[in-house]
Amino acid sequence: MNFREIVKEYAEAPISRHLILELLSDYQSPNDKISELLKSKELISIRRGLYITGPKMDLPTPEPFLIANHLRGPSYVTLESALSYWNMIPERAYEISSVTIKTSKLYKTPVGRFSYQQLKTPYYSYGIKNIEYSPKQTMLVASPEKALCDKVVLTPKIYLRSIKQTREFLIEDLRMDSEVLKTLDTKVMELWIKNAPKKSSLKMLIKTLIEL
């Protein structure tokens, strides 16, 4: 059986070296076979010990958000990446932004850039949605409300002190649509404040959203 047939079942998620070694257990030297697959670009290394299948294999590959979840876990996609996913900002993000409970990190991979910023629990664990992209791909993405809160929390030097300043930040700086902002669930956002960084900025954000 060729490698494509062996790996087909697992191709929709990043694959660990441990699993590939298991799949290649019939080979006399599976490590040499992995080197060969990397050289022929049938496998692509996205970080040490983690791979996806290459375009030559012509198999479904994991969505970038799912790759982000696996590259550094636990983590979820948020900030501009999630805001763009929920059509809250007009731009498409050029790198996938996530948060993690681990230290901040940037990965430059053959399939794009993936950045991670640290958030502490329990705030980290609020507002995470499971998005089913396909039967084999379920991605962890911040809800629209959480992605916006994370943007305020993690943007350096942003301290929201008035409704006017907050409106400018949302509508002029982030180019958000006030009609979309009106749909956000401020009640659920209020539940997060107790354990959130930048409490006063988030309170002002909620106050502004209510007044829109």
Protein backbone atom coordinates (compact mmCIF):
# COMPACT_ATOMS: atom_id res chain seq x y z
CA MET A 1 0.00 0.00 0.00
CA ASN A 2 1.42 3.43 -0.90
CA PHE A 3 1.73 6.28 1.61
CA ARG A 4 -1.22 8.20 0.12
CA GLU A 5 -3.56 5.30 0.88
CA ILE A 6 -2.15 4.86 4.40
CA VAL A 7 -2.44 8.54 5.35
CA LYS A 8 -5.71 9.39 3.55
CA GLU A 9 -7.86 8.83 6.65
CA TYR A 10 -5.81 11.32 8.72
CA ALA A 11 -5.08 14.05 6.15
CA GLU A 12 -7.74 16.54 7.31
CA ALA A 13 -5.83 17.33 10.52
CA PRO A 14 -2.17 18.03 11.29
CA ILE A 15 -0.40 14.69 11.78
CA SER A 16 2.11 14.01 14.55
CA ARG A 17 5.45 12.32 13.88
CA HIS A 18 4.38 9.62 16.34
CA LEU A 19 1.33 8.76 14.20
CA ILE A 20 3.36 8.78 10.97
CA LEU A 21 5.90 6.40 12.52
CA GLU A 22 2.99 4.12 13.45
CA LEU A 23 1.59 4.28 9.91
CA LEU A 24 5.03 3.44 8.51
CA SER A 25 5.74 0.61 10.95
CA ASP A 26 6.03 -1.92 8.09
CA TYR A 27 9.02 -0.02 6.72
CA GLN A 28 12.49 -1.10 7.78
CA SER A 29 13.56 2.49 8.48
CA PRO A 30 10.46 4.72 8.90
CA ASN A 31 12.60 7.78 9.78
CA ASP A 32 14.32 7.57 6.38
CA LYS A 33 10.89 7.26 4.72
CA ILE A 34 9.74 10.47 6.53
CA SER A 35 12.86 12.29 5.22
CA GLU A 36 12.06 11.03 1.72
CA LEU A 37 8.41 12.19 1.97
CA LEU A 38 9.54 15.65 3.16
CA LYS A 39 12.05 15.90 0.29
CA SER A 40 9.39 14.99 -2.29
CA LYS A 41 6.96 17.45 -0.63
CA GLU A 42 4.40 14.69 -0.07
CA LEU A 43 4.67 15.76 3.57
CA ILE A 44 5.15 19.35 4.78
CA SER A 45 6.62 20.08 8.19
CA ILE A 46 4.75 22.89 9.97
CA ARG A 47 6.81 22.63 13.15
CA ARG A 48 9.07 20.03 14.72
CA GLY A 49 7.09 16.78 14.98
CA LEU A 50 3.93 18.05 13.21
CA TYR A 51 3.06 17.67 9.52
CA ILE A 52 0.38 18.09 6.90
CA THR A 53 0.15 16.32 3.54
CA GLY A 54 1.55 18.23 0.56
CA PRO A 55 -0.35 19.28 -2.60
CA LYS A 56 1.22 16.38 -4.55
CA MET A 57 -0.86 13.99 -2.46
CA ASP A 58 -4.11 15.56 -3.73
CA LEU A 59 -5.91 14.96 -0.40
CA PRO A 60 -8.17 17.27 1.66
CA THR A 61 -5.91 19.26 4.00
CA PRO A 62 -6.69 20.97 7.32
CA GLU A 63 -8.13 24.48 7.31
CA PRO A 64 -5.65 27.16 8.52
CA PHE A 65 -7.73 27.70 11.71
CA LEU A 66 -7.44 23.99 12.56
CA ILE A 67 -3.69 24.11 11.89
CA ALA A 68 -3.54 27.07 14.30
CA ASN A 69 -5.36 25.06 17.00
CA HIS A 70 -2.82 22.22 16.66
CA LEU A 71 0.40 24.22 16.26
CA ARG A 72 0.26 25.50 19.82
CA GLY A 73 -2.35 24.16 22.16
CA PRO A 74 -4.47 24.79 24.03
CA SER A 75 -5.37 27.78 21.88
CA TYR A 76 -8.22 29.30 19.89
CA VAL A 77 -8.34 31.65 16.89
CA THR A 78 -9.28 35.24 17.76
CA LEU A 79 -8.44 38.94 17.14
CA GLU A 80 -8.46 40.03 13.45
CA SER A 81 -8.67 36.43 12.21
CA ALA A 82 -11.91 35.75 14.08
CA LEU A 83 -13.29 39.27 13.50
CA SER A 84 -12.75 38.76 9.76
CA TYR A 85 -14.28 35.24 9.93
CA TRP A 86 -17.44 36.71 11.53
CA ASN A 87 -17.50 39.53 8.90
CA MET A 88 -17.01 42.17 11.57
CA ILE A 89 -14.06 43.84 9.84
CA PRO A 90 -13.59 44.31 6.09
CA GLU A 91 -9.95 43.16 5.90
CA ARG A 92 -8.79 39.59 5.57
CA ALA A 93 -6.07 38.85 8.10
CA TYR A 94 -2.66 38.03 6.56
CA GLU A 95 -1.69 35.86 9.53
CA ILE A 96 -3.76 33.64 11.81
CA SER A 97 -3.97 35.21 15.28
CA SER A 98 -4.69 33.03 18.30
CA VAL A 99 -4.44 33.17 22.05
CA THR A 100 -3.05 30.47 24.30
CA ILE A 101 -2.48 29.88 27.99
CA LYS A 102 1.18 29.20 27.09
CA THR A 103 3.79 31.86 26.32
CA SER A 104 3.41 34.07 23.23
CA LYS A 105 4.98 32.73 20.03
CA LEU A 106 5.12 33.25 16.25
CA TYR A 107 5.41 30.37 13.78
CA LYS A 108 6.43 31.04 10.17
CA THR A 109 5.42 27.91 8.28
CA PRO A 110 5.26 26.92 4.59
CA VAL A 111 1.47 27.38 4.85
CA GLY A 112 1.45 30.82 6.50
CA ARG A 113 2.20 32.75 9.68
CA PHE A 114 0.56 31.86 12.97
CA SER A 115 0.86 34.16 16.00
CA TYR A 116 -0.08 33.39 19.61
CA GLN A 117 -0.53 35.76 22.54
CA GLN A 118 -0.92 34.68 26.12
CA LEU A 119 -4.11 35.07 28.15
CA LYS A 120 -4.67 33.76 31.66
CA THR A 121 -7.52 31.52 32.76
CA PRO A 122 -10.39 31.76 33.55
CA TYR A 123 -10.82 34.72 31.12
CA TYR A 124 -9.10 32.66 28.40
CA SER A 125 -11.80 29.98 28.49
CA TYR A 126 -14.82 32.26 27.89
CA GLY A 127 -16.59 32.62 24.55
CA ILE A 128 -14.89 29.82 22.59
CA LYS A 129 -16.99 28.28 19.82
CA ASN A 130 -16.60 24.86 18.18
CA ILE A 131 -17.00 25.45 14.44
CA GLU A 132 -17.57 22.30 12.38
CA TYR A 133 -15.91 22.96 9.04
CA SER A 134 -16.31 19.34 7.90
CA PRO A 135 -17.10 16.01 9.62
CA LYS A 136 -13.38 15.63 10.40
CA GLN A 137 -12.54 19.27 11.11
CA THR A 138 -13.82 21.12 14.18
CA MET A 139 -12.05 24.42 14.85
CA LEU A 140 -11.88 26.46 18.05
CA VAL A 141 -12.70 30.11 17.26
CA ALA A 142 -13.59 33.05 19.51
CA SER A 143 -17.22 34.17 19.36
CA PRO A 144 -17.69 37.67 17.84
CA GLU A 145 -18.03 39.09 21.38
CA LYS A 146 -14.89 37.37 22.67
CA ALA A 147 -12.81 38.28 19.61
CA LEU A 148 -13.71 41.94 20.16
CA CYS A 149 -12.94 41.79 23.90
CA ASP A 150 -9.62 40.09 23.11
CA LYS A 151 -8.82 42.87 20.63
CA VAL A 152 -9.33 45.51 23.35
CA VAL A 153 -7.44 43.48 25.96
CA LEU A 154 -4.45 42.66 23.73
CA THR A 155 -4.00 45.92 21.79
CA PRO A 156 -1.14 47.78 23.48
CA LYS A 157 -1.87 51.32 24.70
CA ILE A 158 -5.63 51.03 24.11
CA TYR A 159 -7.46 52.17 27.23
CA LEU A 160 -11.09 53.06 26.53
CA ARG A 161 -12.15 56.00 28.68
CA SER A 162 -15.16 57.52 26.88
CA ILE A 163 -17.97 56.55 24.53
CA LYS A 164 -16.61 58.94 21.86
CA GLN A 165 -13.13 57.40 21.99
CA THR A 166 -14.58 53.85 21.96
CA ARG A 167 -16.81 54.60 18.94
CA GLU A 168 -13.78 55.99 17.08
CA PHE A 169 -11.76 52.88 17.93
CA LEU A 170 -14.53 50.55 16.70
CA ILE A 171 -15.85 52.42 13.67
CA GLU A 172 -12.84 54.41 12.43
CA ASP A 173 -9.81 52.37 13.52
CA LEU A 174 -11.28 48.86 13.14
CA ARG A 175 -13.79 49.93 10.43
CA MET A 176 -16.63 47.98 12.01
CA ASP A 177 -20.24 48.44 11.00
CA SER A 178 -22.42 49.87 13.77
CA GLU A 179 -25.33 47.63 12.63
CA VAL A 180 -23.17 44.54 13.16
CA LEU A 181 -21.98 45.85 16.54
CA LYS A 182 -25.61 46.25 17.65
CA THR A 183 -26.09 42.48 17.29
CA LEU A 184 -23.47 41.61 19.93
CA ASP A 185 -24.61 40.05 23.20
CA THR A 186 -23.50 42.55 25.86
CA LYS A 187 -25.08 40.47 28.65
CA VAL A 188 -22.66 37.60 28.06
CA MET A 189 -19.74 40.06 27.81
CA GLU A 190 -20.65 41.46 31.23
CA LEU A 191 -20.22 38.00 32.74
CA TRP A 192 -16.55 37.96 31.69
CA ILE A 193 -15.50 41.28 33.24
CA LYS A 194 -14.87 40.02 36.76
CA ASN A 195 -11.95 37.86 35.58
CA ALA A 196 -10.81 39.97 32.62
CA PRO A 197 -7.74 42.15 32.09
CA LYS A 198 -8.46 45.86 31.33
CA LYS A 199 -11.79 45.72 33.21
CA SER A 200 -12.56 49.44 32.88
CA SER A 201 -11.91 49.40 29.10
CA LEU A 202 -14.25 46.43 28.66
CA LYS A 203 -16.91 48.15 30.78
CA MET A 204 -16.64 51.19 28.49
CA LEU A 205 -16.82 48.92 25.42
CA ILE A 206 -20.07 47.36 26.72
CA LYS A 207 -21.51 50.77 27.61
CA THR A 208 -20.75 52.03 24.08
CA LEU A 209 -22.29 48.97 22.43
CA ILE A 210 -25.47 49.41 24.48
CA GLU A 211 -25.74 53.06 23.39
CA LEU A 212 -25.24 52.42 19.66
